[in-house]
C-alpha atoms as a PDB file:
ATOM      1  CA  UNK A   1     143.242  29.870 150.540  1.00  0.00           C
ATOM      2  CA  UNK A   2     139.670  28.704 151.113  1.00  0.00           C
ATOM      3  CA  UNK A   3     138.042  26.426 148.548  1.00  0.00           C
ATOM      4  CA  UNK A   4     134.367  25.496 148.520  1.00  0.00           C
ATOM      5  CA  UNK A   5     133.481  21.804 148.744  1.00  0.00           C
ATOM      6  CA  UNK A   6     132.844  19.913 145.489  1.00  0.00           C
ATOM      7  CA  UNK A   7     129.393  20.263 143.907  1.00  0.00           C
ATOM      8  CA  UNK A   8     128.396  16.681 144.774  1.00  0.00           C
ATOM      9  CA  UNK A   9     129.127  17.253 148.488  1.00  0.00           C
ATOM     10  CA  UNK A  10     127.104  20.466 148.449  1.00  0.00           C
ATOM     11  CA  UNK A  11     124.225  18.597 146.781  1.00  0.00           C
ATOM     12  CA  UNK A  12     124.396  15.883 149.463  1.00  0.00           C
ATOM     13  CA  UNK A  13     124.191  18.521 152.199  1.00  0.00           C
ATOM     14  CA  UNK A  14     121.218  20.261 150.611  1.00  0.00           C
ATOM     15  CA  UNK A  15     119.345  16.991 150.066  1.00  0.00           C
ATOM     16  CA  UNK A  16     119.907  15.795 153.652  1.00  0.00           C
ATOM     17  CA  UNK A  17     119.220  19.105 155.442  1.00  0.00           C
ATOM     18  CA  UNK A  18     115.835  19.772 157.029  1.00  0.00           C
ATOM     19  CA  UNK A  19     116.343  22.870 159.222  1.00  0.00           C
ATOM     20  CA  UNK A  20     118.201  26.051 158.265  1.00  0.00           C
ATOM     21  CA  UNK A  21     118.975  28.885 160.680  1.00  0.00           C
ATOM     22  CA  UNK A  22     119.074  32.113 158.662  1.00  0.00           C
ATOM     23  CA  UNK A  23     121.311  34.662 160.372  1.00  0.00           C
ATOM     24  CA  UNK A  24     120.333  38.187 159.420  1.00  0.00           C
ATOM     25  CA  UNK A  25     116.909  37.239 158.060  1.00  0.00           C
ATOM     26  CA  UNK A  26     114.943  40.422 157.455  1.00  0.00           C
ATOM     27  CA  UNK A  27     111.203  40.788 158.019  1.00  0.00           C
ATOM     28  CA  UNK A  28     111.185  43.131 154.997  1.00  0.00           C
ATOM     29  CA  UNK A  29     109.885  41.125 152.019  1.00  0.00           C
ATOM     30  CA  UNK A  30     111.957  43.235 149.609  1.00  0.00           C
ATOM     31  CA  UNK A  31     115.266  42.099 151.157  1.00  0.00           C
ATOM     32  CA  UNK A  32     117.190  39.209 149.550  1.00  0.00           C
ATOM     33  CA  UNK A  33     117.323  37.261 152.830  1.00  0.00           C
ATOM     34  CA  UNK A  34     113.526  37.248 153.028  1.00  0.00           C
ATOM     35  CA  UNK A  35     113.058  36.086 149.442  1.00  0.00           C
ATOM     36  CA  UNK A  36     115.646  33.325 149.787  1.00  0.00           C
ATOM     37  CA  UNK A  37     114.194  32.099 153.095  1.00  0.00           C
ATOM     38  CA  UNK A  38     110.666  32.069 151.666  1.00  0.00           C
ATOM     39  CA  UNK A  39     111.878  30.063 148.659  1.00  0.00           C
ATOM     40  CA  UNK A  40     113.717  27.628 150.943  1.00  0.00           C
ATOM     41  CA  UNK A  41     110.457  27.073 152.832  1.00  0.00           C
ATOM     42  CA  UNK A  42     108.822  26.163 149.508  1.00  0.00           C
ATOM     43  CA  UNK A  43     111.562  23.555 149.039  1.00  0.00           C
ATOM     44  CA  UNK A  44     110.419  22.042 152.358  1.00  0.00           C
ATOM     45  CA  UNK A  45     113.068  23.348 154.740  1.00  0.00           C
ATOM     46  CA  UNK A  46     112.166  24.661 158.167  1.00  0.00           C
ATOM     47  CA  UNK A  47     113.609  28.153 158.509  1.00  0.00           C
ATOM     48  CA  UNK A  48     114.652  29.592 161.861  1.00  0.00           C
ATOM     49  CA  UNK A  49     115.078  33.369 161.710  1.00  0.00           C
ATOM     50  CA  UNK A  50     118.116  34.566 163.663  1.00  0.00           C
ATOM     51  CA  UNK A  51     117.686  38.286 164.235  1.00  0.00           C
ATOM     52  CA  UNK A  52     117.142  40.480 167.277  1.00  0.00           C
ATOM     53  CA  UNK A  53     114.788  42.751 165.292  1.00  0.00           C
ATOM     54  CA  UNK A  54     111.692  40.520 165.040  1.00  0.00           C
ATOM     55  CA  UNK A  55     109.661  38.073 167.109  1.00  0.00           C
ATOM     56  CA  UNK A  56     108.722  35.978 164.089  1.00  0.00           C
ATOM     57  CA  UNK A  57     109.303  35.966 160.334  1.00  0.00           C
ATOM     58  CA  UNK A  58     107.648  33.805 157.683  1.00  0.00           C
ATOM     59  CA  UNK A  59     105.524  32.128 160.339  1.00  0.00           C
ATOM     60  CA  UNK A  60     108.515  30.963 162.384  1.00  0.00           C
ATOM     61  CA  UNK A  61     109.567  32.244 165.814  1.00  0.00           C
ATOM     62  CA  UNK A  62     112.793  34.237 165.666  1.00  0.00           C
ATOM     63  CA  UNK A  63     115.748  34.041 168.032  1.00  0.00           C
ATOM     64  CA  UNK A  64     118.169  36.871 168.750  1.00  0.00           C
ATOM     65  CA  UNK A  65     121.300  34.762 168.271  1.00  0.00           C
ATOM     66  CA  UNK A  66     122.531  31.256 167.516  1.00  0.00           C
ATOM     67  CA  UNK A  67     122.849  30.581 171.245  1.00  0.00           C
ATOM     68  CA  UNK A  68     119.054  30.679 171.549  1.00  0.00           C
ATOM     69  CA  UNK A  69     118.299  28.034 168.883  1.00  0.00           C
ATOM     70  CA  UNK A  70     117.360  25.430 171.511  1.00  0.00           C
ATOM     71  CA  UNK A  71     114.423  27.660 172.515  1.00  0.00           C
ATOM     72  CA  UNK A  72     112.647  27.017 169.192  1.00  0.00           C
ATOM     73  CA  UNK A  73     113.828  23.505 168.306  1.00  0.00           C
ATOM     74  CA  UNK A  74     111.795  20.430 169.142  1.00  0.00           C
ATOM     75  CA  UNK A  75     113.394  17.634 171.179  1.00  0.00           C
ATOM     76  CA  UNK A  76     114.391  15.669 168.055  1.00  0.00           C
ATOM     77  CA  UNK A  77     115.265  18.681 165.887  1.00  0.00           C
ATOM     78  CA  UNK A  78     118.657  20.111 165.074  1.00  0.00           C
ATOM     79  CA  UNK A  79     119.931  22.855 162.824  1.00  0.00           C
ATOM     80  CA  UNK A  80     121.528  21.366 159.725  1.00  0.00           C
ATOM     81  CA  UNK A  81     122.819  24.574 158.091  1.00  0.00           C
ATOM     82  CA  UNK A  82     123.538  28.097 159.321  1.00  0.00           C
ATOM     83  CA  UNK A  83     122.888  30.429 156.347  1.00  0.00           C
ATOM     84  CA  UNK A  84     124.476  33.861 156.795  1.00  0.00           C
ATOM     85  CA  UNK A  85     123.148  37.136 155.394  1.00  0.00           C
ATOM     86  CA  UNK A  86     125.393  39.429 157.448  1.00  0.00           C
ATOM     87  CA  UNK A  87     128.288  41.647 156.384  1.00  0.00           C
ATOM     88  CA  UNK A  88     131.720  39.993 156.346  1.00  0.00           C
ATOM     89  CA  UNK A  89     132.871  41.765 159.513  1.00  0.00           C
ATOM     90  CA  UNK A  90     130.290  39.733 161.483  1.00  0.00           C
ATOM     91  CA  UNK A  91     131.366  36.324 160.164  1.00  0.00           C
ATOM     92  CA  UNK A  92     134.189  35.661 162.656  1.00  0.00           C
ATOM     93  CA  UNK A  93     131.770  35.910 165.589  1.00  0.00           C
ATOM     94  CA  UNK A  94     129.223  33.717 163.830  1.00  0.00           C
ATOM     95  CA  UNK A  95     131.922  31.092 163.224  1.00  0.00           C
ATOM     96  CA  UNK A  96     132.861  31.227 166.906  1.00  0.00           C
ATOM     97  CA  UNK A  97     129.209  30.532 167.797  1.00  0.00           C
ATOM     98  CA  UNK A  98     128.972  27.696 165.255  1.00  0.00           C
ATOM     99  CA  UNK A  99     132.083  26.055 166.709  1.00  0.00           C
ATOM    100  CA  UNK A 100     130.879  26.482 170.310  1.00  0.00           C
ATOM    101  CA  UNK A 101     127.438  25.087 169.463  1.00  0.00           C
ATOM    102  CA  UNK A 102     128.857  22.281 167.286  1.00  0.00           C
ATOM    103  CA  UNK A 103     126.690  23.242 164.327  1.00  0.00           C
ATOM    104  CA  UNK A 104     127.451  21.025 161.321  1.00  0.00           C
ATOM    105  CA  UNK A 105     127.344  23.370 158.314  1.00  0.00           C
ATOM    106  CA  UNK A 106     127.914  27.049 157.584  1.00  0.00           C
ATOM    107  CA  UNK A 107     126.763  28.759 154.389  1.00  0.00           C
ATOM    108  CA  UNK A 108     127.988  32.282 153.632  1.00  0.00           C
ATOM    109  CA  UNK A 109     125.746  33.877 151.005  1.00  0.00           C
ATOM    110  CA  UNK A 110     127.007  35.657 147.875  1.00  0.00           C
ATOM    111  CA  UNK A 111     129.155  38.625 148.850  1.00  0.00           C
ATOM    112  CA  UNK A 112     129.749  37.332 152.381  1.00  0.00           C
ATOM    113  CA  UNK A 113     133.470  36.600 152.272  1.00  0.00           C
ATOM    114  CA  UNK A 114     135.833  36.068 155.198  1.00  0.00           C
ATOM    115  CA  UNK A 115     138.531  33.592 154.184  1.00  0.00           C
ATOM    116  CA  UNK A 116     140.139  33.380 157.626  1.00  0.00           C
ATOM    117  CA  UNK A 117     136.821  32.678 159.361  1.00  0.00           C
ATOM    118  CA  UNK A 118     135.835  30.130 156.706  1.00  0.00           C
ATOM    119  CA  UNK A 119     139.157  28.309 157.134  1.00  0.00           C
ATOM    120  CA  UNK A 120     138.681  28.341 160.918  1.00  0.00           C
ATOM    121  CA  UNK A 121     135.219  26.794 160.493  1.00  0.00           C
ATOM    122  CA  UNK A 122     136.597  24.043 158.248  1.00  0.00           C
ATOM    123  CA  UNK A 123     139.433  23.343 160.702  1.00  0.00           C
ATOM    124  CA  UNK A 124     136.753  22.898 163.393  1.00  0.00           C
ATOM    125  CA  UNK A 125     135.014  20.284 161.241  1.00  0.00           C
ATOM    126  CA  UNK A 126     132.190  22.494 159.978  1.00  0.00           C
ATOM    127  CA  UNK A 127     131.098  21.924 156.367  1.00  0.00           C
ATOM    128  CA  UNK A 128     131.563  25.418 154.917  1.00  0.00           C
ATOM    129  CA  UNK A 129     130.422  27.109 151.711  1.00  0.00           C
ATOM    130  CA  UNK A 130     131.353  30.740 151.025  1.00  0.00           C
ATOM    131  CA  UNK A 131     130.183  33.387 148.553  1.00  0.00           C
ATOM    132  CA  UNK A 132     127.441  31.203 147.042  1.00  0.00           C
ATOM    133  CA  UNK A 133     123.647  31.503 147.110  1.00  0.00           C
ATOM    134  CA  UNK A 134     121.984  28.594 148.905  1.00  0.00           C
ATOM    135  CA  UNK A 135     118.748  29.170 146.976  1.00  0.00           C
ATOM    136  CA  UNK A 136     120.500  29.077 143.605  1.00  0.00           C
ATOM    137  CA  UNK A 137     122.393  25.925 144.556  1.00  0.00           C
ATOM    138  CA  UNK A 138     119.208  24.226 145.785  1.00  0.00           C
ATOM    139  CA  UNK A 139     117.281  25.333 142.690  1.00  0.00           C
ATOM    140  CA  UNK A 140     119.911  23.707 140.458  1.00  0.00           C
ATOM    141  CA  UNK A 141     119.379  20.274 142.064  1.00  0.00           C
ATOM    142  CA  UNK A 142     117.235  17.765 140.197  1.00  0.00           C
END
């Protein structure tokens, strides 16, 4: 059974992170992914939209998939968290990409639950949070 990391470890991740790739970020301002990403920008994070349906969102260039992140990252930049707003059936493939690309942290938003994929991510050394809202967790930090 998958268990989320302790609250203090999650807080450490959120305080240290600078760049968040948002998989499934919608250009539609009424969608939850858009509102969360906009709020994360206000917290000072750089957001990288990961969606094949837009060229840019929230003033940031979008990439079609995680494999294209290098196209929009500066030479000294890296993605600190992959935040997922996709249906659970897409999570296994996203985890495969995260492992291949050696991305350090995976965040599955509320309602995005795939226990097997989350366990696989943890076994690969990826800090993994599942079924929690990154915005709510960041908002709760002092």
